[in-house]
Amino acid sequence: MTSDQVNVTSVTLDGLQQLSELRLLFFLIFLSAYLFVLCSDGLVLLVICTRRSLHQPLFVFVAALLLNSLLGGGVIYPRLLWELLWGGEAVRVTLSACACQAWVVYSLDASAFMLLAAMAFDRYVFICRPLRAAALLSPRAVAALLMSCWLLPAVMVGGATLLAARQPLCRARISRLFCDVYSLIRLSCGGRTALLSETFALLTSSATVLLPSVFVLFSYGSILSVCLRRTRSCSSKALRTCLPHLLVFINYSACAGVEVLQRRLQADGEPAASVLTSIILVLVPTVFNPVVYGLNMRAVSGHLRELLGCTRTA
C-alpha cells in the first residue's frame, strides 16, 4: 500500500451539499417525478400486458424499456428522497453498496440502448423486409434478443464495476447524487489497475452504447430511404410508427452526451456541474419515456384512454 493509498470501505456522496438551500423544493420535484414514473410506466405496462393486440415484438421491447425505467427509478429515487428529507448534506454508503448501485444503473442504461436497437431492428424488418418478418422476429428470436439486451450489459458492466471497486483507492468522495462506474474509477490512486478499469469501461460503453446507436442510425436511415421511394400515405404511416422510438433514442443519446461532456470538459473541482448532470440523468429519461409511449403511440394511447375512461366511470 502506497503512502497515498487508504483502505477505503465506504464512500461519501456529497452532491446533496449543492442542494442544501433548496432541499424541500428538490424533494417535491423528485417525489412528483417518481410518482409520475410509477403511475405512468405501470399503466403502460398494464395495457401492453393485458391487451392481446399489443402482444407483438415491438411492444415487448417497449415494455422491457419501461420496466428498465421502473427498476432504475427504484434504485435511485427512494434513497434520494429519504436523504433529501431526513439526511444530512453528505450521504455515506459502503463501497459494496455504491458499486452495486453503479452496476444496476449503468446496466439498465446500457440495456436501454440495446432495446432501442432491437426496436429499430423490428421496424427495419417490418418496413424494409416484411416477407422475412415472421422468420426474423419469431417468438424464440424475440426472447433471445430480449435476453441479450438484458444479460450482455449486465455481464459487461458487472465486469467494469468489479474492476473499478477492487482497485486501490486514494479518495472517498463523489460529487454526485448516486454512484456510477466512472466516479469509482476516479477514486483510484492511478497506475495500471486504473488504466485497465478505464479501458474496460470504455470497451463496455462502446459495445453496449456506441454500437447499438450506430445500428439505430443505420436502421432508421434505411427506413427513410425505403419510405422516400413509396407512396406518400404508406411512407407517412411507416415513419409515424418510428417516431416515438426515435424520440426516446434522441433523449437517451442527449443524456449520454451531457454525461460525456461533463466528464471531459469539467474539472474535478466543479461539483455543481456533476450534481446538475446527476439531476438530468435521473429526471429526464424516466419522465420522458412514458410520456412518449403513452401519448405518441396510437396503439397504446387508445387503450390507455379506454382504461382511464373505465376507471372514471366505475
C-alpha atoms as a PDB file:
ATOM      1  CA  MET A   1       0.000   0.000   0.000  1.00  0.00           C
ATOM      2  CA  THR A   2       1.438   3.380  -1.029  1.00  0.00           C
ATOM      3  CA  SER A   3       1.566   6.439   1.191  1.00  0.00           C
ATOM      4  CA  ASP A   4      -1.412   7.972  -0.623  1.00  0.00           C
ATOM      5  CA  GLN A   5      -3.457   4.785  -0.695  1.00  0.00           C
ATOM      6  CA  VAL A   6      -6.016   4.293   2.046  1.00  0.00           C
ATOM      7  CA  ASN A   7      -8.167   1.340   2.984  1.00  0.00           C
ATOM      8  CA  VAL A   8     -11.478   2.687   1.653  1.00  0.00           C
ATOM      9  CA  THR A   9     -14.525   0.682   2.737  1.00  0.00           C
ATOM     10  CA  SER A  10     -17.127   3.415   2.247  1.00  0.00           C
ATOM     11  CA  VAL A  11     -17.646   6.443   0.025  1.00  0.00           C
ATOM     12  CA  THR A  12     -19.379   9.771   0.541  1.00  0.00           C
ATOM     13  CA  LEU A  13     -21.900  11.182  -1.914  1.00  0.00           C
ATOM     14  CA  ASP A  14     -21.695  14.910  -1.262  1.00  0.00           C
ATOM     15  CA  GLY A  15     -23.921  16.042  -4.125  1.00  0.00           C
ATOM     16  CA  LEU A  16     -26.660  16.980  -1.668  1.00  0.00           C
ATOM     17  CA  GLN A  17     -24.474  19.837  -0.440  1.00  0.00           C
ATOM     18  CA  GLN A  18     -25.248  21.651  -3.698  1.00  0.00           C
ATOM     19  CA  LEU A  19     -28.984  21.279  -2.998  1.00  0.00           C
ATOM     20  CA  SER A  20     -28.899  22.200   0.694  1.00  0.00           C
ATOM     21  CA  GLU A  21     -30.640  25.561   0.278  1.00  0.00           C
ATOM     22  CA  LEU A  22     -33.456  24.091  -1.826  1.00  0.00           C
ATOM     23  CA  ARG A  23     -33.824  20.641  -0.302  1.00  0.00           C
ATOM     24  CA  LEU A  24     -37.607  20.830   0.112  1.00  0.00           C
ATOM     25  CA  LEU A  25     -38.098  22.063  -3.449  1.00  0.00           C
ATOM     26  CA  PHE A  26     -35.983  19.260  -4.898  1.00  0.00           C
ATOM     27  CA  PHE A  27     -37.720  16.755  -2.643  1.00  0.00           C
ATOM     28  CA  LEU A  28     -41.079  17.795  -4.105  1.00  0.00           C
ATOM     29  CA  ILE A  29     -39.693  17.698  -7.663  1.00  0.00           C
ATOM     30  CA  PHE A  30     -38.191  14.227  -7.266  1.00  0.00           C
ATOM     31  CA  LEU A  31     -41.246  12.930  -5.396  1.00  0.00           C
ATOM     32  CA  SER A  32     -43.579  14.179  -8.136  1.00  0.00           C
ATOM     33  CA  ALA A  33     -41.336  12.678 -10.804  1.00  0.00           C
ATOM     34  CA  TYR A  34     -41.157   9.317  -9.025  1.00  0.00           C
ATOM     35  CA  LEU A  35     -44.915   9.100  -8.501  1.00  0.00           C
ATOM     36  CA  PHE A  36     -45.446  10.025 -12.144  1.00  0.00           C
ATOM     37  CA  VAL A  37     -42.965   7.343 -13.256  1.00  0.00           C
ATOM     38  CA  LEU A  38     -44.621   4.682 -11.089  1.00  0.00           C
ATOM     39  CA  CYS A  39     -48.129   5.508 -12.303  1.00  0.00           C
ATOM     40  CA  SER A  40     -47.401   6.152 -15.984  1.00  0.00           C
ATOM     41  CA  ASP A  41     -44.957   3.287 -16.530  1.00  0.00           C
ATOM     42  CA  GLY A  42     -47.247   0.989 -14.578  1.00  0.00           C
ATOM     43  CA  LEU A  43     -50.263   1.964 -16.678  1.00  0.00           C
ATOM     44  CA  VAL A  44     -48.464   1.477 -19.996  1.00  0.00           C
ATOM     45  CA  LEU A  45     -47.062  -1.872 -18.833  1.00  0.00           C
ATOM     46  CA  LEU A  46     -50.544  -2.932 -17.713  1.00  0.00           C
ATOM     47  CA  VAL A  47     -52.013  -2.035 -21.088  1.00  0.00           C
ATOM     48  CA  ILE A  48     -49.289  -3.897 -23.012  1.00  0.00           C
ATOM     49  CA  CYS A  49     -49.608  -6.995 -20.825  1.00  0.00           C
ATOM     50  CA  THR A  50     -53.407  -7.197 -20.829  1.00  0.00           C
ATOM     51  CA  ARG A  51     -54.214  -6.305 -24.460  1.00  0.00           C
ATOM     52  CA  ARG A  52     -53.631  -9.230 -26.812  1.00  0.00           C
ATOM     53  CA  SER A  53     -53.432  -6.888 -29.798  1.00  0.00           C
ATOM     54  CA  LEU A  54     -50.232  -5.470 -28.284  1.00  0.00           C
ATOM     55  CA  HIS A  55     -48.546  -8.855 -27.851  1.00  0.00           C
ATOM     56  CA  GLN A  56     -46.135  -8.104 -30.688  1.00  0.00           C
ATOM     57  CA  PRO A  57     -42.313  -7.952 -30.762  1.00  0.00           C
ATOM     58  CA  LEU A  58     -42.209  -4.157 -30.824  1.00  0.00           C
ATOM     59  CA  PHE A  59     -44.364  -3.782 -27.713  1.00  0.00           C
ATOM     60  CA  VAL A  60     -42.388  -6.489 -25.906  1.00  0.00           C
ATOM     61  CA  PHE A  61     -39.297  -4.301 -26.298  1.00  0.00           C
ATOM     62  CA  VAL A  62     -41.250  -1.187 -25.268  1.00  0.00           C
ATOM     63  CA  ALA A  63     -42.450  -2.964 -22.122  1.00  0.00           C
ATOM     64  CA  ALA A  64     -38.885  -4.066 -21.353  1.00  0.00           C
ATOM     65  CA  LEU A  65     -37.643  -0.478 -21.716  1.00  0.00           C
ATOM     66  CA  LEU A  66     -40.331   0.842 -19.367  1.00  0.00           C
ATOM     67  CA  LEU A  67     -39.544  -1.939 -16.898  1.00  0.00           C
ATOM     68  CA  ASN A  68     -35.907  -0.811 -17.014  1.00  0.00           C
ATOM     69  CA  SER A  69     -37.090   2.704 -16.216  1.00  0.00           C
ATOM     70  CA  LEU A  70     -39.080   1.460 -13.220  1.00  0.00           C
ATOM     71  CA  LEU A  71     -36.142  -0.562 -11.890  1.00  0.00           C
ATOM     72  CA  GLY A  72     -33.704   2.306 -12.391  1.00  0.00           C
ATOM     73  CA  GLY A  73     -36.039   4.703 -10.619  1.00  0.00           C
ATOM     74  CA  GLY A  74     -36.425   2.236  -7.754  1.00  0.00           C
ATOM     75  CA  VAL A  75     -32.648   2.130  -7.293  1.00  0.00           C
ATOM     76  CA  ILE A  76     -32.229   5.924  -7.165  1.00  0.00           C
ATOM     77  CA  TYR A  77     -35.423   7.734  -6.159  1.00  0.00           C
ATOM     78  CA  PRO A  78     -36.348   6.202  -2.749  1.00  0.00           C
ATOM     79  CA  ARG A  79     -32.883   6.640  -1.201  1.00  0.00           C
ATOM     80  CA  LEU A  80     -32.561  10.126  -2.703  1.00  0.00           C
ATOM     81  CA  LEU A  81     -35.950  11.207  -1.342  1.00  0.00           C
ATOM     82  CA  TRP A  82     -35.074   9.851   2.097  1.00  0.00           C
ATOM     83  CA  GLU A  83     -31.770  11.730   2.202  1.00  0.00           C
ATOM     84  CA  LEU A  84     -33.330  14.963   0.936  1.00  0.00           C
ATOM     85  CA  LEU A  85     -35.953  14.930   3.674  1.00  0.00           C
ATOM     86  CA  TRP A  86     -34.160  13.417   6.661  1.00  0.00           C
ATOM     87  CA  GLY A  87     -30.496  13.018   5.759  1.00  0.00           C
ATOM     88  CA  GLY A  88     -27.517  15.298   6.145  1.00  0.00           C
ATOM     89  CA  GLU A  89     -25.600  17.208   3.486  1.00  0.00           C
ATOM     90  CA  ALA A  90     -23.488  14.169   2.612  1.00  0.00           C
ATOM     91  CA  VAL A  91     -24.514  10.532   2.232  1.00  0.00           C
ATOM     92  CA  ARG A  92     -22.128   7.821   3.386  1.00  0.00           C
ATOM     93  CA  VAL A  93     -22.535   4.384   1.804  1.00  0.00           C
ATOM     94  CA  THR A  94     -20.427   1.265   1.845  1.00  0.00           C
ATOM     95  CA  LEU A  95     -18.181   0.666  -1.146  1.00  0.00           C
ATOM     96  CA  SER A  96     -20.044  -2.558  -1.988  1.00  0.00           C
ATOM     97  CA  ALA A  97     -23.436  -0.780  -1.909  1.00  0.00           C
ATOM     98  CA  CYS A  98     -22.056   2.023  -4.073  1.00  0.00           C
ATOM     99  CA  ALA A  99     -20.658  -0.480  -6.574  1.00  0.00           C
ATOM    100  CA  CYS A 100     -23.968  -2.364  -6.627  1.00  0.00           C
ATOM    101  CA  GLN A 101     -25.909   0.824  -7.373  1.00  0.00           C
ATOM    102  CA  ALA A 102     -23.435   1.785 -10.104  1.00  0.00           C
ATOM    103  CA  TRP A 103     -23.783  -1.674 -11.666  1.00  0.00           C
ATOM    104  CA  VAL A 104     -27.583  -1.576 -11.699  1.00  0.00           C
ATOM    105  CA  VAL A 105     -27.819   2.000 -13.022  1.00  0.00           C
ATOM    106  CA  TYR A 106     -25.253   1.554 -15.782  1.00  0.00           C
ATOM    107  CA  SER A 107     -26.545  -1.911 -16.740  1.00  0.00           C
ATOM    108  CA  LEU A 108     -30.069  -0.551 -17.180  1.00  0.00           C
ATOM    109  CA  ASP A 109     -28.832   2.469 -19.146  1.00  0.00           C
ATOM    110  CA  ALA A 110     -26.769   0.271 -21.475  1.00  0.00           C
ATOM    111  CA  SER A 111     -29.690  -2.147 -21.773  1.00  0.00           C
ATOM    112  CA  ALA A 112     -31.894   0.768 -22.859  1.00  0.00           C
ATOM    113  CA  PHE A 113     -29.670   1.455 -25.871  1.00  0.00           C
ATOM    114  CA  MET A 114     -29.707  -2.218 -26.829  1.00  0.00           C
ATOM    115  CA  LEU A 115     -33.500  -2.345 -26.506  1.00  0.00           C
ATOM    116  CA  LEU A 116     -33.761   0.733 -28.720  1.00  0.00           C
ATOM    117  CA  ALA A 117     -31.569  -1.084 -31.242  1.00  0.00           C
ATOM    118  CA  ALA A 118     -33.935  -4.066 -31.024  1.00  0.00           C
ATOM    119  CA  MET A 119     -36.895  -1.752 -31.709  1.00  0.00           C
ATOM    120  CA  ALA A 120     -35.042  -0.269 -34.676  1.00  0.00           C
ATOM    121  CA  PHE A 121     -34.415  -3.814 -35.968  1.00  0.00           C
ATOM    122  CA  ASP A 122     -38.128  -4.594 -35.582  1.00  0.00           C
ATOM    123  CA  ARG A 123     -39.124  -1.506 -37.570  1.00  0.00           C
ATOM    124  CA  TYR A 124     -36.461  -2.207 -40.214  1.00  0.00           C
ATOM    125  CA  VAL A 125     -37.664  -5.777 -40.723  1.00  0.00           C
ATOM    126  CA  PHE A 126     -41.376  -4.917 -40.897  1.00  0.00           C
ATOM    127  CA  ILE A 127     -40.875  -1.929 -43.214  1.00  0.00           C
ATOM    128  CA  CYS A 128     -37.904  -2.938 -45.367  1.00  0.00           C
ATOM    129  CA  ARG A 129     -38.066  -6.783 -45.218  1.00  0.00           C
ATOM    130  CA  PRO A 130     -41.733  -7.600 -44.469  1.00  0.00           C
ATOM    131  CA  LEU A 131     -41.617 -11.037 -46.119  1.00  0.00           C
ATOM    132  CA  ARG A 132     -38.940 -12.176 -43.661  1.00  0.00           C
ATOM    133  CA  ALA A 133     -40.579 -10.711 -40.556  1.00  0.00           C
ATOM    134  CA  ALA A 134     -42.128 -13.999 -39.407  1.00  0.00           C
ATOM    135  CA  ALA A 135     -38.745 -15.767 -39.511  1.00  0.00           C
ATOM    136  CA  LEU A 136     -36.534 -12.975 -38.174  1.00  0.00           C
ATOM    137  CA  LEU A 137     -38.917 -11.956 -35.380  1.00  0.00           C
ATOM    138  CA  SER A 138     -40.341 -15.284 -34.261  1.00  0.00           C
ATOM    139  CA  PRO A 139     -41.229 -15.674 -30.564  1.00  0.00           C
ATOM    140  CA  ARG A 140     -37.998 -17.590 -29.979  1.00  0.00           C
ATOM    141  CA  ALA A 141     -35.921 -14.931 -31.748  1.00  0.00           C
ATOM    142  CA  VAL A 142     -37.612 -12.153 -29.783  1.00  0.00           C
ATOM    143  CA  ALA A 143     -36.985 -13.966 -26.485  1.00  0.00           C
ATOM    144  CA  ALA A 144     -33.308 -14.478 -27.378  1.00  0.00           C
ATOM    145  CA  LEU A 145     -32.945 -10.847 -28.419  1.00  0.00           C
ATOM    146  CA  LEU A 146     -34.615  -9.657 -25.214  1.00  0.00           C
ATOM    147  CA  MET A 147     -32.359 -11.809 -23.025  1.00  0.00           C
ATOM    148  CA  SER A 148     -29.308 -10.496 -24.894  1.00  0.00           C
ATOM    149  CA  CYS A 149     -30.423  -6.906 -24.297  1.00  0.00           C
ATOM    150  CA  TRP A 150     -30.545  -7.588 -20.554  1.00  0.00           C
ATOM    151  CA  LEU A 151     -27.734 -10.079 -19.959  1.00  0.00           C
ATOM    152  CA  LEU A 152     -24.933  -8.668 -22.135  1.00  0.00           C
ATOM    153  CA  PRO A 153     -24.940  -5.223 -20.457  1.00  0.00           C
ATOM    154  CA  ALA A 154     -25.308  -6.812 -17.014  1.00  0.00           C
ATOM    155  CA  VAL A 155     -22.241  -9.013 -17.566  1.00  0.00           C
ATOM    156  CA  MET A 156     -20.052  -6.381 -19.207  1.00  0.00           C
ATOM    157  CA  VAL A 157     -20.976  -3.567 -16.810  1.00  0.00           C
ATOM    158  CA  GLY A 158     -20.587  -6.034 -13.942  1.00  0.00           C
ATOM    159  CA  GLY A 159     -17.012  -6.702 -15.020  1.00  0.00           C
ATOM    160  CA  ALA A 160     -16.250  -2.982 -15.319  1.00  0.00           C
ATOM    161  CA  THR A 161     -17.793  -2.299 -11.908  1.00  0.00           C
ATOM    162  CA  LEU A 162     -15.890  -5.125 -10.263  1.00  0.00           C
ATOM    163  CA  LEU A 163     -12.602  -3.840 -11.660  1.00  0.00           C
ATOM    164  CA  ALA A 164     -13.394  -0.301 -10.503  1.00  0.00           C
ATOM    165  CA  ALA A 165     -14.380  -1.391  -6.981  1.00  0.00           C
ATOM    166  CA  ARG A 166     -11.371  -3.682  -6.449  1.00  0.00           C
ATOM    167  CA  GLN A 167      -8.676  -1.181  -7.446  1.00  0.00           C
ATOM    168  CA  PRO A 168      -6.645   0.685  -4.777  1.00  0.00           C
ATOM    169  CA  LEU A 169      -8.484   3.876  -3.800  1.00  0.00           C
ATOM    170  CA  CYS A 170      -6.965   7.142  -2.594  1.00  0.00           C
ATOM    171  CA  ARG A 171     -10.177   9.176  -2.333  1.00  0.00           C
ATOM    172  CA  ALA A 172     -13.633   8.542  -0.945  1.00  0.00           C
ATOM    173  CA  ARG A 173     -15.836  11.457  -2.084  1.00  0.00           C
ATOM    174  CA  ILE A 174     -18.142  11.501  -5.105  1.00  0.00           C
ATOM    175  CA  SER A 175     -19.767  14.814  -6.087  1.00  0.00           C
ATOM    176  CA  ARG A 176     -22.951  13.208  -7.361  1.00  0.00           C
ATOM    177  CA  LEU A 177     -26.394  12.152  -6.183  1.00  0.00           C
ATOM    178  CA  PHE A 178     -25.768   8.476  -6.957  1.00  0.00           C
ATOM    179  CA  CYS A 179     -22.855   6.140  -7.599  1.00  0.00           C
ATOM    180  CA  ASP A 180     -21.551   5.390 -11.076  1.00  0.00           C
ATOM    181  CA  VAL A 181     -18.689   3.392 -12.549  1.00  0.00           C
ATOM    182  CA  TYR A 182     -16.592   6.301 -13.788  1.00  0.00           C
ATOM    183  CA  SER A 183     -16.762   8.059 -10.427  1.00  0.00           C
ATOM    184  CA  LEU A 184     -15.465   4.866  -8.793  1.00  0.00           C
ATOM    185  CA  ILE A 185     -12.602   4.771 -11.285  1.00  0.00           C
ATOM    186  CA  ARG A 186     -11.716   8.386 -10.467  1.00  0.00           C
ATOM    187  CA  LEU A 187     -11.369   7.490  -6.807  1.00  0.00           C
ATOM    188  CA  SER A 188      -8.399   5.276  -7.646  1.00  0.00           C
ATOM    189  CA  CYS A 189      -4.759   6.029  -6.991  1.00  0.00           C
ATOM    190  CA  GLY A 190      -3.923   5.659 -10.668  1.00  0.00           C
ATOM    191  CA  GLY A 191      -1.499   3.169 -12.142  1.00  0.00           C
ATOM    192  CA  ARG A 192      -2.047   0.136 -14.344  1.00  0.00           C
ATOM    193  CA  THR A 193      -5.120  -1.054 -12.446  1.00  0.00           C
ATOM    194  CA  ALA A 194      -6.917   2.244 -13.022  1.00  0.00           C
ATOM    195  CA  LEU A 195      -5.892   2.225 -16.684  1.00  0.00           C
ATOM    196  CA  LEU A 196      -7.236  -1.317 -17.061  1.00  0.00           C
ATOM    197  CA  SER A 197     -10.519  -0.330 -15.367  1.00  0.00           C
ATOM    198  CA  GLU A 198     -10.965   2.722 -17.561  1.00  0.00           C
ATOM    199  CA  THR A 199     -10.100   0.793 -20.731  1.00  0.00           C
ATOM    200  CA  PHE A 200     -12.564  -1.983 -19.942  1.00  0.00           C
ATOM    201  CA  ALA A 201     -15.262   0.589 -19.070  1.00  0.00           C
ATOM    202  CA  LEU A 202     -14.629   2.285 -22.422  1.00  0.00           C
ATOM    203  CA  LEU A 203     -14.892  -1.034 -24.266  1.00  0.00           C
ATOM    204  CA  THR A 204     -18.120  -1.794 -22.391  1.00  0.00           C
ATOM    205  CA  SER A 205     -19.598   1.568 -23.374  1.00  0.00           C
ATOM    206  CA  SER A 206     -18.583   1.018 -26.991  1.00  0.00           C
ATOM    207  CA  ALA A 207     -20.171  -2.444 -27.123  1.00  0.00           C
ATOM    208  CA  THR A 208     -23.403  -1.606 -25.302  1.00  0.00           C
ATOM    209  CA  VAL A 209     -23.986   2.056 -26.224  1.00  0.00           C
ATOM    210  CA  LEU A 210     -21.968   3.120 -29.268  1.00  0.00           C
ATOM    211  CA  LEU A 211     -22.549   0.062 -31.471  1.00  0.00           C
ATOM    212  CA  PRO A 212     -26.323  -0.075 -30.768  1.00  0.00           C
ATOM    213  CA  SER A 213     -26.517   3.661 -31.514  1.00  0.00           C
ATOM    214  CA  VAL A 214     -24.786   3.168 -34.862  1.00  0.00           C
ATOM    215  CA  PHE A 215     -27.199   0.331 -35.659  1.00  0.00           C
ATOM    216  CA  VAL A 216     -30.197   2.522 -34.742  1.00  0.00           C
ATOM    217  CA  LEU A 217     -28.997   5.291 -37.074  1.00  0.00           C
ATOM    218  CA  PHE A 218     -28.359   2.770 -39.862  1.00  0.00           C
ATOM    219  CA  SER A 219     -31.802   1.183 -39.428  1.00  0.00           C
ATOM    220  CA  TYR A 220     -33.758   4.432 -39.459  1.00  0.00           C
ATOM    221  CA  GLY A 221     -31.636   5.726 -42.334  1.00  0.00           C
ATOM    222  CA  SER A 222     -32.542   2.608 -44.326  1.00  0.00           C
ATOM    223  CA  ILE A 223     -36.207   3.016 -43.377  1.00  0.00           C
ATOM    224  CA  LEU A 224     -36.176   6.638 -44.525  1.00  0.00           C
ATOM    225  CA  SER A 225     -34.555   5.625 -47.819  1.00  0.00           C
ATOM    226  CA  VAL A 226     -37.245   2.997 -48.431  1.00  0.00           C
ATOM    227  CA  CYS A 227     -40.081   5.344 -47.451  1.00  0.00           C
ATOM    228  CA  LEU A 228     -38.904   8.003 -49.886  1.00  0.00           C
ATOM    229  CA  ARG A 229     -39.479   5.518 -52.723  1.00  0.00           C
ATOM    230  CA  ARG A 230     -43.012   4.615 -51.634  1.00  0.00           C
ATOM    231  CA  THR A 231     -46.337   6.410 -51.833  1.00  0.00           C
ATOM    232  CA  ARG A 232     -46.859   9.335 -49.503  1.00  0.00           C
ATOM    233  CA  SER A 233     -49.574   7.682 -47.372  1.00  0.00           C
ATOM    234  CA  CYS A 234     -47.595   4.469 -46.965  1.00  0.00           C
ATOM    235  CA  SER A 235     -44.362   6.244 -46.055  1.00  0.00           C
ATOM    236  CA  SER A 236     -46.188   8.586 -43.661  1.00  0.00           C
ATOM    237  CA  LYS A 237     -47.691   5.657 -41.767  1.00  0.00           C
ATOM    238  CA  ALA A 238     -44.332   3.857 -41.597  1.00  0.00           C
ATOM    239  CA  LEU A 239     -42.458   6.917 -40.352  1.00  0.00           C
ATOM    240  CA  ARG A 240     -45.153   7.633 -37.761  1.00  0.00           C
ATOM    241  CA  THR A 241     -44.581   4.226 -36.171  1.00  0.00           C
ATOM    242  CA  CYS A 242     -40.847   5.008 -35.899  1.00  0.00           C
ATOM    243  CA  LEU A 243     -41.199   8.493 -34.407  1.00  0.00           C
ATOM    244  CA  PRO A 244     -41.734   7.548 -30.716  1.00  0.00           C
ATOM    245  CA  HIS A 245     -38.696   5.252 -30.680  1.00  0.00           C
ATOM    246  CA  LEU A 246     -36.570   7.852 -32.443  1.00  0.00           C
ATOM    247  CA  LEU A 247     -37.601  10.480 -29.872  1.00  0.00           C
ATOM    248  CA  VAL A 248     -36.654   8.180 -26.994  1.00  0.00           C
ATOM    249  CA  PHE A 249     -33.341   7.362 -28.690  1.00  0.00           C
ATOM    250  CA  ILE A 250     -32.571  11.077 -29.083  1.00  0.00           C
ATOM    251  CA  ASN A 251     -33.469  11.585 -25.425  1.00  0.00           C
ATOM    252  CA  TYR A 252     -31.105   8.850 -24.212  1.00  0.00           C
ATOM    253  CA  SER A 253     -28.367   9.989 -26.595  1.00  0.00           C
ATOM    254  CA  ALA A 254     -28.653  13.594 -25.403  1.00  0.00           C
ATOM    255  CA  CYS A 255     -28.390  12.489 -21.755  1.00  0.00           C
ATOM    256  CA  ALA A 256     -25.382  10.316 -22.579  1.00  0.00           C
ATOM    257  CA  GLY A 257     -23.820  13.249 -24.440  1.00  0.00           C
ATOM    258  CA  VAL A 258     -24.317  15.533 -21.448  1.00  0.00           C
ATOM    259  CA  GLU A 259     -22.674  12.913 -19.227  1.00  0.00           C
ATOM    260  CA  VAL A 260     -19.649  12.550 -21.518  1.00  0.00           C
ATOM    261  CA  LEU A 261     -19.223  16.301 -21.999  1.00  0.00           C
ATOM    262  CA  GLN A 262     -19.442  16.958 -18.276  1.00  0.00           C
ATOM    263  CA  ARG A 263     -16.764  14.375 -17.551  1.00  0.00           C
ATOM    264  CA  ARG A 264     -14.444  15.537 -20.324  1.00  0.00           C
ATOM    265  CA  LEU A 265     -14.801  19.308 -20.062  1.00  0.00           C
ATOM    266  CA  GLN A 266     -15.383  19.957 -16.372  1.00  0.00           C
ATOM    267  CA  ALA A 267     -12.597  19.832 -13.832  1.00  0.00           C
ATOM    268  CA  ASP A 268     -12.864  17.647 -10.753  1.00  0.00           C
ATOM    269  CA  GLY A 269     -13.382  20.799  -8.693  1.00  0.00           C
ATOM    270  CA  GLU A 270     -16.764  21.578 -10.276  1.00  0.00           C
ATOM    271  CA  PRO A 271     -19.249  19.717  -8.077  1.00  0.00           C
ATOM    272  CA  ALA A 272     -22.186  21.873  -9.207  1.00  0.00           C
ATOM    273  CA  ALA A 273     -21.820  20.603 -12.794  1.00  0.00           C
ATOM    274  CA  SER A 274     -21.673  16.998 -11.585  1.00  0.00           C
ATOM    275  CA  VAL A 275     -24.804  17.429  -9.492  1.00  0.00           C
ATOM    276  CA  LEU A 276     -26.660  19.123 -12.360  1.00  0.00           C
ATOM    277  CA  THR A 277     -25.726  16.216 -14.627  1.00  0.00           C
ATOM    278  CA  SER A 278     -26.982  13.797 -11.970  1.00  0.00           C
ATOM    279  CA  ILE A 279     -30.330  15.585 -11.834  1.00  0.00           C
ATOM    280  CA  ILE A 280     -30.674  15.475 -15.630  1.00  0.00           C
ATOM    281  CA  LEU A 281     -29.805  11.776 -15.764  1.00  0.00           C
ATOM    282  CA  VAL A 282     -32.305  10.954 -13.019  1.00  0.00           C
ATOM    283  CA  LEU A 283     -35.256  13.040 -14.191  1.00  0.00           C
ATOM    284  CA  VAL A 284     -35.220  13.294 -17.972  1.00  0.00           C
ATOM    285  CA  PRO A 285     -35.176   9.661 -19.205  1.00  0.00           C
ATOM    286  CA  THR A 286     -37.542   8.275 -16.567  1.00  0.00           C
ATOM    287  CA  VAL A 287     -40.153  11.013 -17.074  1.00  0.00           C
ATOM    288  CA  PHE A 288     -39.805  11.306 -20.856  1.00  0.00           C
ATOM    289  CA  ASN A 289     -40.259   7.626 -21.769  1.00  0.00           C
ATOM    290  CA  PRO A 290     -43.832   7.060 -20.524  1.00  0.00           C
ATOM    291  CA  VAL A 291     -44.933  10.397 -21.984  1.00  0.00           C
ATOM    292  CA  VAL A 292     -43.713   9.384 -25.448  1.00  0.00           C
ATOM    293  CA  TYR A 293     -45.018   5.823 -25.370  1.00  0.00           C
ATOM    294  CA  GLY A 294     -48.255   6.694 -23.613  1.00  0.00           C
ATOM    295  CA  LEU A 295     -49.219   9.648 -25.801  1.00  0.00           C
ATOM    296  CA  ASN A 296     -47.433   9.253 -29.148  1.00  0.00           C
ATOM    297  CA  MET A 297     -48.125   5.572 -29.853  1.00  0.00           C
ATOM    298  CA  ARG A 298     -51.708   5.331 -31.034  1.00  0.00           C
ATOM    299  CA  ALA A 299     -51.982   1.619 -30.279  1.00  0.00           C
ATOM    300  CA  VAL A 300     -51.098   2.312 -26.633  1.00  0.00           C
ATOM    301  CA  SER A 301     -52.770   5.691 -26.140  1.00  0.00           C
ATOM    302  CA  GLY A 302     -56.125   4.372 -27.370  1.00  0.00           C
ATOM    303  CA  HIS A 303     -56.122   1.546 -24.838  1.00  0.00           C
ATOM    304  CA  LEU A 304     -54.949   3.964 -22.137  1.00  0.00           C
ATOM    305  CA  ARG A 305     -57.876   6.282 -22.766  1.00  0.00           C
ATOM    306  CA  GLU A 306     -60.209   3.284 -22.666  1.00  0.00           C
ATOM    307  CA  LEU A 307     -58.689   2.081 -19.392  1.00  0.00           C
ATOM    308  CA  LEU A 308     -58.839   5.501 -17.729  1.00  0.00           C
ATOM    309  CA  GLY A 309     -62.366   6.046 -19.017  1.00  0.00           C
ATOM    310  CA  CYS A 310     -63.444   2.757 -17.422  1.00  0.00           C
ATOM    311  CA  THR A 311     -61.729   3.812 -14.194  1.00  0.00           C
ATOM    312  CA  ARG A 312     -63.603   7.104 -14.102  1.00  0.00           C
ATOM    313  CA  THR A 313     -66.979   5.530 -14.739  1.00  0.00           C
ATOM    314  CA  ALA A 314     -66.510   2.675 -12.303  1.00  0.00           C
END
